[in-house]
Amino acid sequence: FARTGPWQKGYRPKDGYRHPFPYLHDAFDSYQDYEDVFCPPETRTSRKECTQRQSQENGTLSARLSRFVWEWDGLDPFDDHLHLQVPLLMDRSTGRPIRVDEIYNTTAAKAGWEHLGRAHGIDLSSGVLHAKTHPRRFDVKFISDKTKKRICELALLDYCCLNLPLPAECSGLFCKLTVTNATTPDGENQQSQSIQIEPLSHPQSSRK
């Protein structure tokens, strides 16, 4: 919500930006308007309390997120966090993956950085980079299992290509592996293989 809010430079109406899903920020003309939803005035004595406290939203933000998840087709990411990881980990001229030594989960960022520090003899005792510095602003209890599965479907290529375990709510989603044999064009009749991994279903197929 906040990264592309109409109060952010480059995303303000006066900057000429038109958000593809404007209802996400309906009635939010400032960060304070947004903050009042996940940290209602009647639940706080100071705005400073809102930074690290758990969301107190009433389902407004979750409902907008759910609507977006079902309406977005996954093809035009307008925010950095909507981009899949796999395209960023391959050579765009050949489609082949670049070398990846290890994969870490950002939900366990502290343990990941400590592992890297030990492996390379780097002292990280002064602190590590955390993936998120504050709680979610929407309340996940309002997100249905069906919507969670839709989110997995939008990110299914990453789950499959990076061999990441799917959450329990996302059971029944699969990718397909296609292996194609071809003869190399060097005249020596050598065989080569092309391997393609893709989601078994496209996110558009399950849209409401």
Protein backbone atom coordinates (compact mmCIF):
# COMPACT_ATOMS: atom_id res chain seq x y z
CA PHE A 1 0.00 0.00 0.00
CA ALA A 2 2.52 2.59 1.13
CA ARG A 3 5.15 2.22 -1.61
CA THR A 4 2.85 3.52 -4.37
CA GLY A 5 0.58 5.65 -2.20
CA PRO A 6 -0.62 8.97 -3.64
CA TRP A 7 1.46 10.82 -1.05
CA GLN A 8 4.74 9.35 -2.37
CA LYS A 9 6.88 11.41 -4.73
CA GLY A 10 6.42 10.13 -8.25
CA TYR A 11 3.05 8.60 -7.43
CA ARG A 12 1.16 11.78 -6.55
CA PRO A 13 -1.64 13.05 -8.78
CA LYS A 14 0.38 16.20 -9.46
CA ASP A 15 3.19 13.96 -10.76
CA GLY A 16 0.83 12.67 -13.42
CA TYR A 17 0.86 9.11 -12.11
CA ARG A 18 -2.27 7.01 -12.59
CA HIS A 19 -2.35 3.94 -10.37
CA PRO A 20 -3.61 0.82 -12.18
CA PHE A 21 -5.63 -0.17 -9.09
CA PRO A 22 -6.70 3.14 -7.51
CA TYR A 23 -9.13 1.54 -5.05
CA LEU A 24 -6.11 0.37 -3.02
CA HIS A 25 -5.72 3.96 -1.81
CA ASP A 26 -9.35 5.06 -1.83
CA ALA A 27 -9.76 7.90 0.73
CA PHE A 28 -6.02 7.81 1.52
CA ASP A 29 -4.70 11.25 0.62
CA SER A 30 -1.79 11.02 3.05
CA TYR A 31 0.19 8.43 4.97
CA GLN A 32 -1.67 9.53 8.07
CA ASP A 33 -4.99 8.56 6.44
CA TYR A 34 -3.54 5.13 5.73
CA GLU A 35 -2.07 4.85 9.22
CA ASP A 36 -5.43 5.65 10.80
CA VAL A 37 -6.81 2.43 9.29
CA PHE A 38 -4.24 -0.01 10.71
CA CYS A 39 -3.67 2.07 13.85
CA PRO A 40 -7.03 3.73 14.63
CA PRO A 41 -6.87 6.99 16.65
CA GLU A 42 -9.05 5.53 19.41
CA THR A 43 -6.50 2.73 20.01
CA ARG A 44 -3.41 4.91 20.47
CA THR A 45 -2.14 7.80 22.53
CA SER A 46 0.56 8.79 20.02
CA ARG A 47 1.32 8.06 16.36
CA LYS A 48 4.74 6.82 17.49
CA GLU A 49 2.99 3.71 18.82
CA CYS A 50 1.91 2.75 15.30
CA THR A 51 5.34 1.91 13.91
CA GLN A 52 5.91 -1.43 15.64
CA ARG A 53 2.47 -2.44 16.85
CA GLN A 54 0.41 -5.21 15.29
CA SER A 55 -2.27 -4.10 12.86
CA GLN A 56 -5.61 -3.09 14.33
CA GLU A 57 -7.36 -2.77 10.98
CA ASN A 58 -10.97 -3.90 10.67
CA GLY A 59 -10.60 -5.75 7.37
CA THR A 60 -10.57 -2.71 5.08
CA LEU A 61 -6.96 -3.19 3.93
CA SER A 62 -7.32 -6.96 3.67
CA ALA A 63 -10.42 -6.63 1.51
CA ARG A 64 -8.63 -4.29 -0.89
CA LEU A 65 -5.62 -6.60 -1.03
CA SER A 66 -7.86 -9.60 -1.75
CA ARG A 67 -9.63 -7.75 -4.54
CA PHE A 68 -6.29 -6.80 -6.08
CA VAL A 69 -4.97 -10.36 -5.88
CA TRP A 70 -7.94 -11.63 -7.88
CA GLU A 71 -7.99 -8.81 -10.42
CA TRP A 72 -4.27 -8.65 -11.19
CA ASP A 73 -3.11 -11.09 -13.89
CA GLY A 74 0.53 -11.13 -12.80
CA LEU A 75 1.79 -9.90 -16.17
CA ASP A 76 2.51 -6.23 -15.48
CA PRO A 77 4.28 -5.70 -12.12
CA PHE A 78 4.09 -2.02 -11.25
CA ASP A 79 5.97 -2.39 -7.96
CA ASP A 80 9.35 -3.98 -7.23
CA HIS A 81 7.79 -6.45 -4.81
CA LEU A 82 5.49 -7.82 -7.50
CA HIS A 83 8.35 -9.03 -9.68
CA LEU A 84 9.10 -12.75 -9.70
CA GLN A 85 12.60 -13.78 -8.62
CA VAL A 86 13.28 -16.32 -11.38
CA PRO A 87 13.52 -13.80 -14.27
CA LEU A 88 16.04 -11.84 -12.19
CA LEU A 89 18.18 -14.95 -11.74
CA MET A 90 18.63 -15.79 -15.41
CA ASP A 91 20.48 -14.50 -18.44
CA ARG A 92 17.86 -12.56 -20.37
CA SER A 93 19.64 -13.11 -23.68
CA THR A 94 19.64 -16.91 -23.39
CA GLY A 95 17.01 -17.71 -20.78
CA ARG A 96 19.55 -19.84 -18.92
CA PRO A 97 19.89 -19.54 -15.13
CA ILE A 98 22.87 -17.73 -13.68
CA ARG A 99 24.90 -19.43 -10.98
CA VAL A 100 23.23 -19.38 -7.57
CA ASP A 101 25.28 -20.77 -4.68
CA GLU A 102 22.60 -20.72 -2.01
CA ILE A 103 18.99 -19.65 -1.51
CA TYR A 104 17.75 -18.12 1.74
CA ASN A 105 14.27 -17.45 3.02
CA THR A 106 13.64 -13.85 4.07
CA THR A 107 11.26 -15.04 6.81
CA ALA A 108 14.41 -16.31 8.55
CA ALA A 109 16.71 -13.46 7.50
CA LYS A 110 18.65 -13.33 10.77
CA ALA A 111 19.58 -17.03 10.64
CA GLY A 112 20.51 -16.71 6.95
CA TRP A 113 22.86 -13.79 7.49
CA GLU A 114 24.46 -15.51 10.49
CA HIS A 115 25.07 -18.60 8.34
CA LEU A 116 26.73 -16.47 5.65
CA GLY A 117 28.84 -14.71 8.27
CA ARG A 118 30.13 -17.99 9.70
CA ALA A 119 30.81 -19.41 6.22
CA HIS A 120 32.91 -16.39 5.18
CA GLY A 121 34.43 -15.46 8.51
CA ILE A 122 32.54 -12.18 8.82
CA ASP A 123 31.50 -10.83 12.22
CA LEU A 124 27.86 -9.75 12.12
CA SER A 125 27.47 -9.31 15.87
CA SER A 126 26.73 -5.61 15.40
CA GLY A 127 23.49 -6.48 13.67
CA VAL A 128 22.04 -8.00 10.51
CA LEU A 129 19.78 -6.86 7.73
CA HIS A 130 16.16 -7.72 8.45
CA ALA A 131 13.73 -8.35 5.62
CA LYS A 132 10.99 -6.36 7.31
CA THR A 133 11.36 -3.73 10.00
CA HIS A 134 7.72 -3.45 11.03
CA PRO A 135 4.63 -5.67 11.22
CA ARG A 136 2.25 -6.09 8.28
CA ARG A 137 -0.26 -3.27 7.96
CA PHE A 138 -3.12 -5.56 6.93
CA ASP A 139 -4.39 -8.28 9.26
CA VAL A 140 -3.75 -11.69 7.73
CA LYS A 141 -6.67 -13.23 9.63
CA PHE A 142 -9.01 -11.55 7.14
CA ILE A 143 -7.30 -13.21 4.13
CA SER A 144 -9.14 -16.35 3.06
CA ASP A 145 -7.37 -19.61 2.22
CA LYS A 146 -8.71 -19.28 -1.32
CA THR A 147 -7.00 -15.91 -1.70
CA LYS A 148 -3.77 -17.26 -0.20
CA LYS A 149 -3.83 -20.00 -2.83
CA ARG A 150 -4.33 -17.37 -5.52
CA ILE A 151 -1.20 -15.57 -4.26
CA CYS A 152 0.73 -18.83 -4.53
CA GLU A 153 -0.55 -19.26 -8.07
CA LEU A 154 0.71 -15.82 -9.04
CA ALA A 155 4.15 -16.73 -7.67
CA LEU A 156 4.10 -20.39 -8.71
CA LEU A 157 7.00 -20.08 -11.15
CA ASP A 158 9.28 -19.01 -8.31
CA TYR A 159 8.07 -21.84 -6.07
CA CYS A 160 8.75 -24.44 -8.77
CA CYS A 161 12.02 -23.19 -10.24
CA LEU A 162 13.58 -22.42 -6.84
CA ASN A 163 12.18 -25.64 -5.34
CA LEU A 164 10.46 -23.83 -2.48
CA PRO A 165 7.84 -25.67 -0.40
CA LEU A 166 4.28 -24.46 -0.90
CA PRO A 167 2.23 -23.41 2.13
CA ALA A 168 -0.46 -25.85 3.21
CA GLU A 169 -3.17 -23.55 1.83
CA CYS A 170 -1.66 -23.93 -1.64
CA SER A 171 -1.88 -27.70 -2.01
CA GLY A 172 -3.08 -28.85 -5.42
CA LEU A 173 -0.94 -26.40 -7.40
CA PHE A 174 1.61 -27.94 -9.73
CA CYS A 175 4.16 -27.08 -12.40
CA LYS A 176 5.01 -29.13 -15.44
CA LEU A 177 8.44 -30.11 -16.69
CA THR A 178 8.99 -30.41 -20.44
CA VAL A 179 12.18 -32.00 -21.77
CA THR A 180 12.90 -31.55 -25.47
CA ASN A 181 15.65 -33.44 -27.31
CA ALA A 182 17.28 -31.76 -30.30
CA THR A 183 20.19 -32.34 -32.62
CA THR A 184 22.96 -29.76 -32.43
CA PRO A 185 23.52 -27.75 -35.63
CA ASP A 186 27.25 -28.52 -35.76
CA GLY A 187 26.77 -31.47 -38.12
CA GLU A 188 28.04 -34.05 -35.62
CA ASN A 189 24.54 -35.29 -34.80
CA GLN A 190 25.05 -34.70 -31.10
CA GLN A 191 21.96 -34.58 -28.93
CA SER A 192 21.12 -31.71 -26.62
CA GLN A 193 18.33 -31.27 -24.13
CA SER A 194 16.11 -28.30 -23.44
CA ILE A 195 14.30 -28.26 -20.11
CA GLN A 196 11.32 -26.00 -19.51
CA ILE A 197 9.47 -25.50 -16.23
CA GLU A 198 6.14 -23.69 -16.22
CA PRO A 199 3.01 -23.50 -14.04
CA LEU A 200 0.42 -26.11 -14.93
CA SER A 201 -2.22 -23.36 -14.93
CA HIS A 202 -1.96 -19.65 -15.64
CA PRO A 203 -3.29 -17.22 -12.99
CA GLN A 204 -5.83 -15.92 -15.51
CA SER A 205 -7.52 -19.33 -15.57
CA SER A 206 -8.68 -19.04 -11.96
CA ARG A 207 -9.73 -15.39 -11.91
CA LYS A 208 -13.27 -14.69 -10.76
